[in-house]
Amino acid sequence: MQLCDLADEMVPDYLTFLVSGAVEHQAELDKEIAAHLKNKWTVQRLSRIDRAILRIGLFEMENSLEVPKKVAIDEAIEIAGDFGNKDSKSFVNGILSNFVEG
């Protein structure tokens, strides 16, 4: 089930769940993200958009039973394409895919 398949009245509640969860667990999420960064990159060095997308995507992957991990990754990639820079889609895909694979 994709986020867009949820009933309209559920979307605000689900969005609140994702955003508040990502904010509440930011430190833990950042540690997990940092473990998958290469070439001495840090979470703080990432663009704000990429950081937010990664945090929310990872939180969704770890905490939503309704949304398959692949769907969460696809949604994050789509958002990265809409709001990130030219490299955001492949970057977000690479980082979040590592969590599924590894």
PDB file of N, CA and C in Angstrom:
ATOM      1  N   MET A   1       0.850  -1.169   0.000  1.00  0.00           N
ATOM      2  CA  MET A   1       0.000   0.000   0.000  1.00  0.00           C
ATOM      3  C   MET A   1       0.898   1.236   0.000  1.00  0.00           C
ATOM      4  N   GLN A   2       0.664   2.152  -0.906  1.00  0.00           N
ATOM      5  CA  GLN A   2       1.418   3.388  -0.958  1.00  0.00           C
ATOM      6  C   GLN A   2       0.699   4.449  -0.148  1.00  0.00           C
ATOM      7  N   LEU A   3       1.463   5.462   0.265  1.00  0.00           N
ATOM      8  CA  LEU A   3       0.887   6.548   1.049  1.00  0.00           C
ATOM      9  C   LEU A   3      -0.312   7.150   0.346  1.00  0.00           C
ATOM     10  N   CYS A   4      -0.235   7.308  -0.969  1.00  0.00           N
ATOM     11  CA  CYS A   4      -1.343   7.910  -1.708  1.00  0.00           C
ATOM     12  C   CYS A   4      -2.574   7.013  -1.717  1.00  0.00           C
ATOM     13  N   ASP A   5      -2.427   5.736  -1.376  1.00  0.00           N
ATOM     14  CA  ASP A   5      -3.565   4.830  -1.315  1.00  0.00           C
ATOM     15  C   ASP A   5      -4.334   4.931   0.001  1.00  0.00           C
ATOM     16  N   LEU A   6      -3.733   5.556   1.000  1.00  0.00           N
ATOM     17  CA  LEU A   6      -4.411   5.693   2.278  1.00  0.00           C
ATOM     18  C   LEU A   6      -5.584   6.642   2.128  1.00  0.00           C
ATOM     19  N   ALA A   7      -6.591   6.449   2.930  1.00  0.00           N
ATOM     20  CA  ALA A   7      -7.749   7.346   2.882  1.00  0.00           C
ATOM     21  C   ALA A   7      -7.305   8.773   3.175  1.00  0.00           C
ATOM     22  N   ASP A   8      -7.923   9.743   2.507  1.00  0.00           N
ATOM     23  CA  ASP A   8      -7.529  11.143   2.652  1.00  0.00           C
ATOM     24  C   ASP A   8      -7.471  11.591   4.102  1.00  0.00           C
ATOM     25  N   GLU A   9      -8.415  11.159   4.903  1.00  0.00           N
ATOM     26  CA  GLU A   9      -8.433  11.599   6.296  1.00  0.00           C
ATOM     27  C   GLU A   9      -7.292  10.999   7.108  1.00  0.00           C
ATOM     28  N   MET A  10      -6.684   9.925   6.623  1.00  0.00           N
ATOM     29  CA  MET A  10      -5.567   9.311   7.324  1.00  0.00           C
ATOM     30  C   MET A  10      -4.245  10.001   7.021  1.00  0.00           C
ATOM     31  N   VAL A  11      -4.133  10.652   5.901  1.00  0.00           N
ATOM     32  CA  VAL A  11      -2.856  11.235   5.492  1.00  0.00           C
ATOM     33  C   VAL A  11      -2.327  12.237   6.512  1.00  0.00           C
ATOM     34  N   PRO A  12      -3.141  13.192   6.993  1.00  0.00           N
ATOM     35  CA  PRO A  12      -2.588  14.113   7.990  1.00  0.00           C
ATOM     36  C   PRO A  12      -2.078  13.394   9.239  1.00  0.00           C
ATOM     37  N   ASP A  13      -2.796  12.392   9.719  1.00  0.00           N
ATOM     38  CA  ASP A  13      -2.338  11.644  10.887  1.00  0.00           C
ATOM     39  C   ASP A  13      -1.051  10.886  10.581  1.00  0.00           C
ATOM     40  N   TYR A  14      -0.972  10.296   9.413  1.00  0.00           N
ATOM     41  CA  TYR A  14       0.221   9.545   9.038  1.00  0.00           C
ATOM     42  C   TYR A  14       1.409  10.485   8.857  1.00  0.00           C
ATOM     43  N   LEU A  15       1.172  11.624   8.242  1.00  0.00           N
ATOM     44  CA  LEU A  15       2.233  12.616   8.073  1.00  0.00           C
ATOM     45  C   LEU A  15       2.734  13.099   9.425  1.00  0.00           C
ATOM     46  N   THR A  16       1.820  13.352  10.345  1.00  0.00           N
ATOM     47  CA  THR A  16       2.203  13.763  11.696  1.00  0.00           C
ATOM     48  C   THR A  16       3.032  12.675  12.366  1.00  0.00           C
ATOM     49  N   PHE A  17       2.627  11.426  12.207  1.00  0.00           N
ATOM     50  CA  PHE A  17       3.373  10.294  12.753  1.00  0.00           C
ATOM     51  C   PHE A  17       4.803  10.274  12.221  1.00  0.00           C
ATOM     52  N   LEU A  18       4.960  10.432  10.908  1.00  0.00           N
ATOM     53  CA  LEU A  18       6.291  10.382  10.296  1.00  0.00           C
ATOM     54  C   LEU A  18       7.169  11.542  10.734  1.00  0.00           C
ATOM     55  N   VAL A  19       6.638  12.744  10.636  1.00  0.00           N
ATOM     56  CA  VAL A  19       7.451  13.928  10.937  1.00  0.00           C
ATOM     57  C   VAL A  19       7.783  13.990  12.423  1.00  0.00           C
ATOM     58  N   SER A  20       6.792  13.795  13.277  1.00  0.00           N
ATOM     59  CA  SER A  20       7.074  13.860  14.716  1.00  0.00           C
ATOM     60  C   SER A  20       8.008  12.727  15.136  1.00  0.00           C
ATOM     61  N   GLY A  21       7.847  11.557  14.540  1.00  0.00           N
ATOM     62  CA  GLY A  21       8.738  10.447  14.848  1.00  0.00           C
ATOM     63  C   GLY A  21      10.165  10.715  14.414  1.00  0.00           C
ATOM     64  N   ALA A  22      10.324  11.283  13.229  1.00  0.00           N
ATOM     65  CA  ALA A  22      11.669  11.606  12.735  1.00  0.00           C
ATOM     66  C   ALA A  22      12.330  12.670  13.602  1.00  0.00           C
ATOM     67  N   VAL A  23      11.554  13.636  14.058  1.00  0.00           N
ATOM     68  CA  VAL A  23      12.104  14.683  14.932  1.00  0.00           C
ATOM     69  C   VAL A  23      12.460  14.090  16.293  1.00  0.00           C
ATOM     70  N   GLU A  24      11.560  13.308  16.854  1.00  0.00           N
ATOM     71  CA  GLU A  24      11.781  12.720  18.177  1.00  0.00           C
ATOM     72  C   GLU A  24      12.988  11.782  18.193  1.00  0.00           C
ATOM     73  N   HIS A  25      13.210  11.074  17.110  1.00  0.00           N
ATOM     74  CA  HIS A  25      14.295  10.086  17.039  1.00  0.00           C
ATOM     75  C   HIS A  25      15.459  10.553  16.159  1.00  0.00           C
ATOM     76  N   GLN A  26      15.579  11.856  15.998  1.00  0.00           N
ATOM     77  CA  GLN A  26      16.582  12.424  15.093  1.00  0.00           C
ATOM     78  C   GLN A  26      17.993  11.945  15.406  1.00  0.00           C
ATOM     79  N   ALA A  27      18.386  11.950  16.657  1.00  0.00           N
ATOM     80  CA  ALA A  27      19.755  11.559  17.012  1.00  0.00           C
ATOM     81  C   ALA A  27      20.041  10.113  16.609  1.00  0.00           C
ATOM     82  N   GLU A  28      19.096   9.220  16.883  1.00  0.00           N
ATOM     83  CA  GLU A  28      19.291   7.813  16.534  1.00  0.00           C
ATOM     84  C   GLU A  28      19.305   7.617  15.021  1.00  0.00           C
ATOM     85  N   LEU A  29      18.396   8.299  14.334  1.00  0.00           N
ATOM     86  CA  LEU A  29      18.343   8.199  12.874  1.00  0.00           C
ATOM     87  C   LEU A  29      19.630   8.724  12.249  1.00  0.00           C
ATOM     88  N   ASP A  30      20.133   9.843  12.775  1.00  0.00           N
ATOM     89  CA  ASP A  30      21.370  10.415  12.242  1.00  0.00           C
ATOM     90  C   ASP A  30      22.549   9.459  12.417  1.00  0.00           C
ATOM     91  N   LYS A  31      22.600   8.756  13.541  1.00  0.00           N
ATOM     92  CA  LYS A  31      23.676   7.775  13.747  1.00  0.00           C
ATOM     93  C   LYS A  31      23.586   6.651  12.718  1.00  0.00           C
ATOM     94  N   GLU A  32      22.367   6.193  12.461  1.00  0.00           N
ATOM     95  CA  GLU A  32      22.179   5.124  11.478  1.00  0.00           C
ATOM     96  C   GLU A  32      22.549   5.602  10.071  1.00  0.00           C
ATOM     97  N   ILE A  33      22.146   6.817   9.736  1.00  0.00           N
ATOM     98  CA  ILE A  33      22.470   7.383   8.420  1.00  0.00           C
ATOM     99  C   ILE A  33      23.976   7.563   8.290  1.00  0.00           C
ATOM    100  N   ALA A  34      24.610   8.097   9.330  1.00  0.00           N
ATOM    101  CA  ALA A  34      26.056   8.348   9.303  1.00  0.00           C
ATOM    102  C   ALA A  34      26.836   7.065   9.040  1.00  0.00           C
ATOM    103  N   ALA A  35      26.344   5.958   9.548  1.00  0.00           N
ATOM    104  CA  ALA A  35      27.032   4.677   9.358  1.00  0.00           C
ATOM    105  C   ALA A  35      27.061   4.251   7.891  1.00  0.00           C
ATOM    106  N   HIS A  36      26.191   4.830   7.072  1.00  0.00           N
ATOM    107  CA  HIS A  36      26.124   4.467   5.652  1.00  0.00           C
ATOM    108  C   HIS A  36      26.728   5.533   4.737  1.00  0.00           C
ATOM    109  N   LEU A  37      27.266   6.599   5.310  1.00  0.00           N
ATOM    110  CA  LEU A  37      27.899   7.641   4.495  1.00  0.00           C
ATOM    111  C   LEU A  37      29.338   7.259   4.203  1.00  0.00           C
ATOM    112  N   LYS A  38      29.831   7.681   3.052  1.00  0.00           N
ATOM    113  CA  LYS A  38      31.188   7.341   2.632  1.00  0.00           C
ATOM    114  C   LYS A  38      32.040   8.600   2.512  1.00  0.00           C
ATOM    115  N   ASN A  39      33.324   8.388   2.346  1.00  0.00           N
ATOM    116  CA  ASN A  39      34.288   9.456   2.080  1.00  0.00           C
ATOM    117  C   ASN A  39      34.255  10.566   3.118  1.00  0.00           C
ATOM    118  N   LYS A  40      34.166  10.172   4.378  1.00  0.00           N
ATOM    119  CA  LYS A  40      34.207  11.107   5.506  1.00  0.00           C
ATOM    120  C   LYS A  40      33.073  12.122   5.509  1.00  0.00           C
ATOM    121  N   TRP A  41      31.996  11.818   4.819  1.00  0.00           N
ATOM    122  CA  TRP A  41      30.826  12.694   4.861  1.00  0.00           C
ATOM    123  C   TRP A  41      30.186  12.571   6.238  1.00  0.00           C
ATOM    124  N   THR A  42      29.556  13.656   6.678  1.00  0.00           N
ATOM    125  CA  THR A  42      28.806  13.654   7.929  1.00  0.00           C
ATOM    126  C   THR A  42      27.353  14.001   7.620  1.00  0.00           C
ATOM    127  N   VAL A  43      26.471  13.663   8.523  1.00  0.00           N
ATOM    128  CA  VAL A  43      25.057  13.991   8.342  1.00  0.00           C
ATOM    129  C   VAL A  43      24.887  15.506   8.242  1.00  0.00           C
ATOM    130  N   GLN A  44      25.645  16.250   9.030  1.00  0.00           N
ATOM    131  CA  GLN A  44      25.536  17.709   9.020  1.00  0.00           C
ATOM    132  C   GLN A  44      25.960  18.317   7.687  1.00  0.00           C
ATOM    133  N   ARG A  45      26.781  17.617   6.952  1.00  0.00           N
ATOM    134  CA  ARG A  45      27.253  18.120   5.662  1.00  0.00           C
ATOM    135  C   ARG A  45      26.215  17.932   4.550  1.00  0.00           C
ATOM    136  N   LEU A  46      25.255  17.061   4.765  1.00  0.00           N
ATOM    137  CA  LEU A  46      24.205  16.832   3.770  1.00  0.00           C
ATOM    138  C   LEU A  46      23.300  18.054   3.676  1.00  0.00           C
ATOM    139  N   SER A  47      22.655  18.213   2.539  1.00  0.00           N
ATOM    140  CA  SER A  47      21.694  19.313   2.416  1.00  0.00           C
ATOM    141  C   SER A  47      20.544  19.077   3.389  1.00  0.00           C
ATOM    142  N   ARG A  48      19.915  20.145   3.811  1.00  0.00           N
ATOM    143  CA  ARG A  48      18.790  20.024   4.751  1.00  0.00           C
ATOM    144  C   ARG A  48      17.673  19.162   4.170  1.00  0.00           C
ATOM    145  N   ILE A  49      17.431  19.330   2.882  1.00  0.00           N
ATOM    146  CA  ILE A  49      16.381  18.551   2.224  1.00  0.00           C
ATOM    147  C   ILE A  49      16.723  17.061   2.260  1.00  0.00           C
ATOM    148  N   ASP A  50      17.939  16.714   1.863  1.00  0.00           N
ATOM    149  CA  ASP A  50      18.341  15.305   1.860  1.00  0.00           C
ATOM    150  C   ASP A  50      18.296  14.717   3.270  1.00  0.00           C
ATOM    151  N   ARG A  51      18.748  15.487   4.258  1.00  0.00           N
ATOM    152  CA  ARG A  51      18.702  15.010   5.650  1.00  0.00           C
ATOM    153  C   ARG A  51      17.276  14.709   6.080  1.00  0.00           C
ATOM    154  N   ALA A  52      16.376  15.641   5.799  1.00  0.00           N
ATOM    155  CA  ALA A  52      14.975  15.458   6.203  1.00  0.00           C
ATOM    156  C   ALA A  52      14.358  14.246   5.511  1.00  0.00           C
ATOM    157  N   ILE A  53      14.615  14.111   4.217  1.00  0.00           N
ATOM    158  CA  ILE A  53      14.066  12.977   3.465  1.00  0.00           C
ATOM    159  C   ILE A  53      14.613  11.659   4.005  1.00  0.00           C
ATOM    160  N   LEU A  54      15.902  11.605   4.273  1.00  0.00           N
ATOM    161  CA  LEU A  54      16.502  10.380   4.805  1.00  0.00           C
ATOM    162  C   LEU A  54      15.948  10.041   6.184  1.00  0.00           C
ATOM    163  N   ARG A  55      15.815  11.039   7.040  1.00  0.00           N
ATOM    164  CA  ARG A  55      15.294  10.791   8.392  1.00  0.00           C
ATOM    165  C   ARG A  55      13.867  10.254   8.340  1.00  0.00           C
ATOM    166  N   ILE A  56      13.023  10.917   7.564  1.00  0.00           N
ATOM    167  CA  ILE A  56      11.623  10.495   7.481  1.00  0.00           C
ATOM    168  C   ILE A  56      11.515   9.133   6.799  1.00  0.00           C
ATOM    169  N   GLY A  57      12.271   8.944   5.720  1.00  0.00           N
ATOM    170  CA  GLY A  57      12.239   7.661   5.022  1.00  0.00           C
ATOM    171  C   GLY A  57      12.697   6.515   5.902  1.00  0.00           C
ATOM    172  N   LEU A  58      13.780   6.723   6.621  1.00  0.00           N
ATOM    173  CA  LEU A  58      14.292   5.676   7.502  1.00  0.00           C
ATOM    174  C   LEU A  58      13.323   5.421   8.654  1.00  0.00           C
ATOM    175  N   PHE A  59      12.772   6.489   9.226  1.00  0.00           N
ATOM    176  CA  PHE A  59      11.789   6.303  10.295  1.00  0.00           C
ATOM    177  C   PHE A  59      10.598   5.491   9.794  1.00  0.00           C
ATOM    178  N   GLU A  60      10.128   5.812   8.597  1.00  0.00           N
ATOM    179  CA  GLU A  60       9.001   5.070   8.032  1.00  0.00           C
ATOM    180  C   GLU A  60       9.364   3.601   7.827  1.00  0.00           C
ATOM    181  N   MET A  61      10.545   3.342   7.310  1.00  0.00           N
ATOM    182  CA  MET A  61      10.974   1.965   7.066  1.00  0.00           C
ATOM    183  C   MET A  61      11.034   1.156   8.362  1.00  0.00           C
ATOM    184  N   GLU A  62      11.443   1.805   9.440  1.00  0.00           N
ATOM    185  CA  GLU A  62      11.622   1.102  10.705  1.00  0.00           C
ATOM    186  C   GLU A  62      10.344   1.011  11.541  1.00  0.00           C
ATOM    187  N   ASN A  63       9.367   1.876  11.274  1.00  0.00           N
ATOM    188  CA  ASN A  63       8.234   1.988  12.192  1.00  0.00           C
ATOM    189  C   ASN A  63       6.856   1.822  11.577  1.00  0.00           C
ATOM    190  N   SER A  64       6.763   1.641  10.289  1.00  0.00           N
ATOM    191  CA  SER A  64       5.454   1.489   9.664  1.00  0.00           C
ATOM    192  C   SER A  64       5.270   0.063   9.170  1.00  0.00           C
ATOM    193  N   LEU A  65       4.305  -0.615   9.745  1.00  0.00           N
ATOM    194  CA  LEU A  65       4.004  -1.977   9.306  1.00  0.00           C
ATOM    195  C   LEU A  65       3.144  -1.985   8.053  1.00  0.00           C
ATOM    196  N   GLU A  66       2.443  -0.876   7.801  1.00  0.00           N
ATOM    197  CA  GLU A  66       1.529  -0.802   6.662  1.00  0.00           C
ATOM    198  C   GLU A  66       2.240  -0.548   5.336  1.00  0.00           C
ATOM    199  N   VAL A  67       3.413   0.064   5.399  1.00  0.00           N
ATOM    200  CA  VAL A  67       4.112   0.472   4.178  1.00  0.00           C
ATOM    201  C   VAL A  67       5.361  -0.391   3.995  1.00  0.00           C
ATOM    202  N   PRO A  68       5.436  -1.162   2.922  1.00  0.00           N
ATOM    203  CA  PRO A  68       6.644  -1.952   2.660  1.00  0.00           C
ATOM    204  C   PRO A  68       7.869  -1.046   2.498  1.00  0.00           C
ATOM    205  N   LYS A  69       9.017  -1.560   2.891  1.00  0.00           N
ATOM    206  CA  LYS A  69      10.255  -0.774   2.810  1.00  0.00           C
ATOM    207  C   LYS A  69      10.508  -0.255   1.395  1.00  0.00           C
ATOM    208  N   LYS A  70      10.268  -1.076   0.400  1.00  0.00           N
ATOM    209  CA  LYS A  70      10.479  -0.670  -1.000  1.00  0.00           C
ATOM    210  C   LYS A  70       9.607   0.530  -1.349  1.00  0.00           C
ATOM    211  N   VAL A  71       8.380   0.540  -0.868  1.00  0.00           N
ATOM    212  CA  VAL A  71       7.475   1.661  -1.137  1.00  0.00           C
ATOM    213  C   VAL A  71       7.974   2.912  -0.423  1.00  0.00           C
ATOM    214  N   ALA A  72       8.441   2.775   0.814  1.00  0.00           N
ATOM    215  CA  ALA A  72       8.982   3.920   1.548  1.00  0.00           C
ATOM    216  C   ALA A  72      10.180   4.506   0.810  1.00  0.00           C
ATOM    217  N   ILE A  73      11.032   3.641   0.275  1.00  0.00           N
ATOM    218  CA  ILE A  73      12.192   4.114  -0.488  1.00  0.00           C
ATOM    219  C   ILE A  73      11.734   4.830  -1.753  1.00  0.00           C
ATOM    220  N   ASP A  74      10.800   4.243  -2.473  1.00  0.00           N
ATOM    221  CA  ASP A  74      10.297   4.864  -3.706  1.00  0.00           C
ATOM    222  C   ASP A  74       9.685   6.234  -3.433  1.00  0.00           C
ATOM    223  N   GLU A  75       8.928   6.358  -2.346  1.00  0.00           N
ATOM    224  CA  GLU A  75       8.331   7.652  -1.988  1.00  0.00           C
ATOM    225  C   GLU A  75       9.424   8.668  -1.656  1.00  0.00           C
ATOM    226  N   ALA A  76      10.447   8.240  -0.913  1.00  0.00           N
ATOM    227  CA  ALA A  76      11.548   9.137  -0.565  1.00  0.00           C
ATOM    228  C   ALA A  76      12.296   9.592  -1.820  1.00  0.00           C
ATOM    229  N   ILE A  77      12.506   8.686  -2.761  1.00  0.00           N
ATOM    230  CA  ILE A  77      13.183   9.031  -4.014  1.00  0.00           C
ATOM    231  C   ILE A  77      12.358  10.051  -4.793  1.00  0.00           C
ATOM    232  N   GLU A  78      11.059   9.843  -4.839  1.00  0.00           N
ATOM    233  CA  GLU A  78      10.185  10.779  -5.549  1.00  0.00           C
ATOM    234  C   GLU A  78      10.237  12.171  -4.916  1.00  0.00           C
ATOM    235  N   ILE A  79      10.201  12.234  -3.603  1.00  0.00           N
ATOM    236  CA  ILE A  79      10.282  13.524  -2.906  1.00  0.00           C
ATOM    237  C   ILE A  79      11.645  14.165  -3.152  1.00  0.00           C
ATOM    238  N   ALA A  80      12.706  13.357  -3.138  1.00  0.00           N
ATOM    239  CA  ALA A  80      14.048  13.883  -3.404  1.00  0.00           C
ATOM    240  C   ALA A  80      14.133  14.479  -4.805  1.00  0.00           C
ATOM    241  N   GLY A  81      13.484  13.838  -5.765  1.00  0.00           N
ATOM    242  CA  GLY A  81      13.467  14.362  -7.130  1.00  0.00           C
ATOM    243  C   GLY A  81      12.718  15.673  -7.235  1.00  0.00           C
ATOM    244  N   ASP A  82      11.663  15.807  -6.442  1.00  0.00           N
ATOM    245  CA  ASP A  82      10.858  17.028  -6.480  1.00  0.00           C
ATOM    246  C   ASP A  82      11.506  18.192  -5.744  1.00  0.00           C
ATOM    247  N   PHE A  83      12.210  17.907  -4.643  1.00  0.00           N
ATOM    248  CA  PHE A  83      12.683  18.989  -3.782  1.00  0.00           C
ATOM    249  C   PHE A  83      14.194  19.060  -3.613  1.00  0.00           C
ATOM    250  N   GLY A  84      14.910  18.014  -3.966  1.00  0.00           N
ATOM    251  CA  GLY A  84      16.356  18.000  -3.782  1.00  0.00           C
ATOM    252  C   GLY A  84      17.098  18.543  -4.986  1.00  0.00           C
ATOM    253  N   ASN A  85      18.409  18.338  -4.981  1.00  0.00           N
ATOM    254  CA  ASN A  85      19.232  18.772  -6.112  1.00  0.00           C
ATOM    255  C   ASN A  85      19.320  17.645  -7.141  1.00  0.00           C
ATOM    256  N   LYS A  86      20.138  17.838  -8.156  1.00  0.00           N
ATOM    257  CA  LYS A  86      20.202  16.867  -9.257  1.00  0.00           C
ATOM    258  C   LYS A  86      20.706  15.490  -8.818  1.00  0.00           C
ATOM    259  N   ASP A  87      21.430  15.417  -7.716  1.00  0.00           N
ATOM    260  CA  ASP A  87      21.973  14.146  -7.243  1.00  0.00           C
ATOM    261  C   ASP A  87      21.151  13.508  -6.126  1.00  0.00           C
ATOM    262  N   SER A  88      20.137  14.194  -5.652  1.00  0.00           N
ATOM    263  CA  SER A  88      19.402  13.734  -4.469  1.00  0.00           C
ATOM    264  C   SER A  88      18.713  12.393  -4.664  1.00  0.00           C
ATOM    265  N   LYS A  89      18.104  12.183  -5.820  1.00  0.00           N
ATOM    266  CA  LYS A  89      17.378  10.926  -6.044  1.00  0.00           C
ATOM    267  C   LYS A  89      18.299   9.719  -5.903  1.00  0.00           C
ATOM    268  N   SER A  90      19.424   9.737  -6.579  1.00  0.00           N
ATOM    269  CA  SER A  90      20.325   8.583  -6.519  1.00  0.00           C
ATOM    270  C   SER A  90      20.967   8.459  -5.136  1.00  0.00           C
ATOM    271  N   PHE A  91      21.247   9.596  -4.501  1.00  0.00           N
ATOM    272  CA  PHE A  91      21.841   9.574  -3.163  1.00  0.00           C
ATOM    273  C   PHE A  91      20.876   8.951  -2.151  1.00  0.00           C
ATOM    274  N   VAL A  92      19.646   9.433  -2.127  1.00  0.00           N
ATOM    275  CA  VAL A  92      18.632   8.913  -1.203  1.00  0.00           C
ATOM    276  C   VAL A  92      18.383   7.433  -1.483  1.00  0.00           C
ATOM    277  N   ASN A  93      18.293   7.064  -2.740  1.00  0.00           N
ATOM    278  CA  ASN A  93      18.110   5.662  -3.109  1.00  0.00           C
ATOM    279  C   ASN A  93      19.251   4.810  -2.566  1.00  0.00           C
ATOM    280  N   GLY A  94      20.475   5.252  -2.770  1.00  0.00           N
ATOM    281  CA  GLY A  94      21.632   4.488  -2.320  1.00  0.00           C
ATOM    282  C   GLY A  94      21.672   4.298  -0.816  1.00  0.00           C
ATOM    283  N   ILE A  95      21.436   5.369  -0.082  1.00  0.00           N
ATOM    284  CA  ILE A  95      21.500   5.285   1.378  1.00  0.00           C
ATOM    285  C   ILE A  95      20.373   4.409   1.924  1.00  0.00           C
ATOM    286  N   LEU A  96      19.131   4.684   1.523  1.00  0.00           N
ATOM    287  CA  LEU A  96      18.008   3.913   2.067  1.00  0.00           C
ATOM    288  C   LEU A  96      18.037   2.456   1.611  1.00  0.00           C
ATOM    289  N   SER A  97      18.491   2.202   0.395  1.00  0.00           N
ATOM    290  CA  SER A  97      18.589   0.815  -0.081  1.00  0.00           C
ATOM    291  C   SER A  97      19.587   0.014   0.746  1.00  0.00           C
ATOM    292  N   ASN A  98      20.628   0.669   1.246  1.00  0.00           N
ATOM    293  CA  ASN A  98      21.602  -0.011   2.097  1.00  0.00           C
ATOM    294  C   ASN A  98      20.963  -0.559   3.368  1.00  0.00           C
ATOM    295  N   PHE A  99      19.927   0.104   3.860  1.00  0.00           N
ATOM    296  CA  PHE A  99      19.262  -0.369   5.070  1.00  0.00           C
ATOM    297  C   PHE A  99      18.484  -1.654   4.808  1.00  0.00           C
ATOM    298  N   VAL A 100      17.968  -1.804   3.619  1.00  0.00           N
ATOM    299  CA  VAL A 100      17.222  -3.014   3.272  1.00  0.00           C
ATOM    300  C   VAL A 100      18.191  -4.166   3.024  1.00  0.00           C
ATOM    301  N   GLU A 101      19.276  -3.859   2.345  1.00  0.00           N
ATOM    302  CA  GLU A 101      20.252  -4.889   1.974  1.00  0.00           C
ATOM    303  C   GLU A 101      21.135  -5.296   3.136  1.00  0.00           C
ATOM    304  N   GLY A 102      21.363  -4.334   4.024  1.00  0.00           N
ATOM    305  CA  GLY A 102      22.370  -4.659   4.940  1.00  0.00           C
ATOM    306  C   GLY A 102      22.300  -4.564   6.342  1.00  0.00           C
TER     307      GLY A 102
END
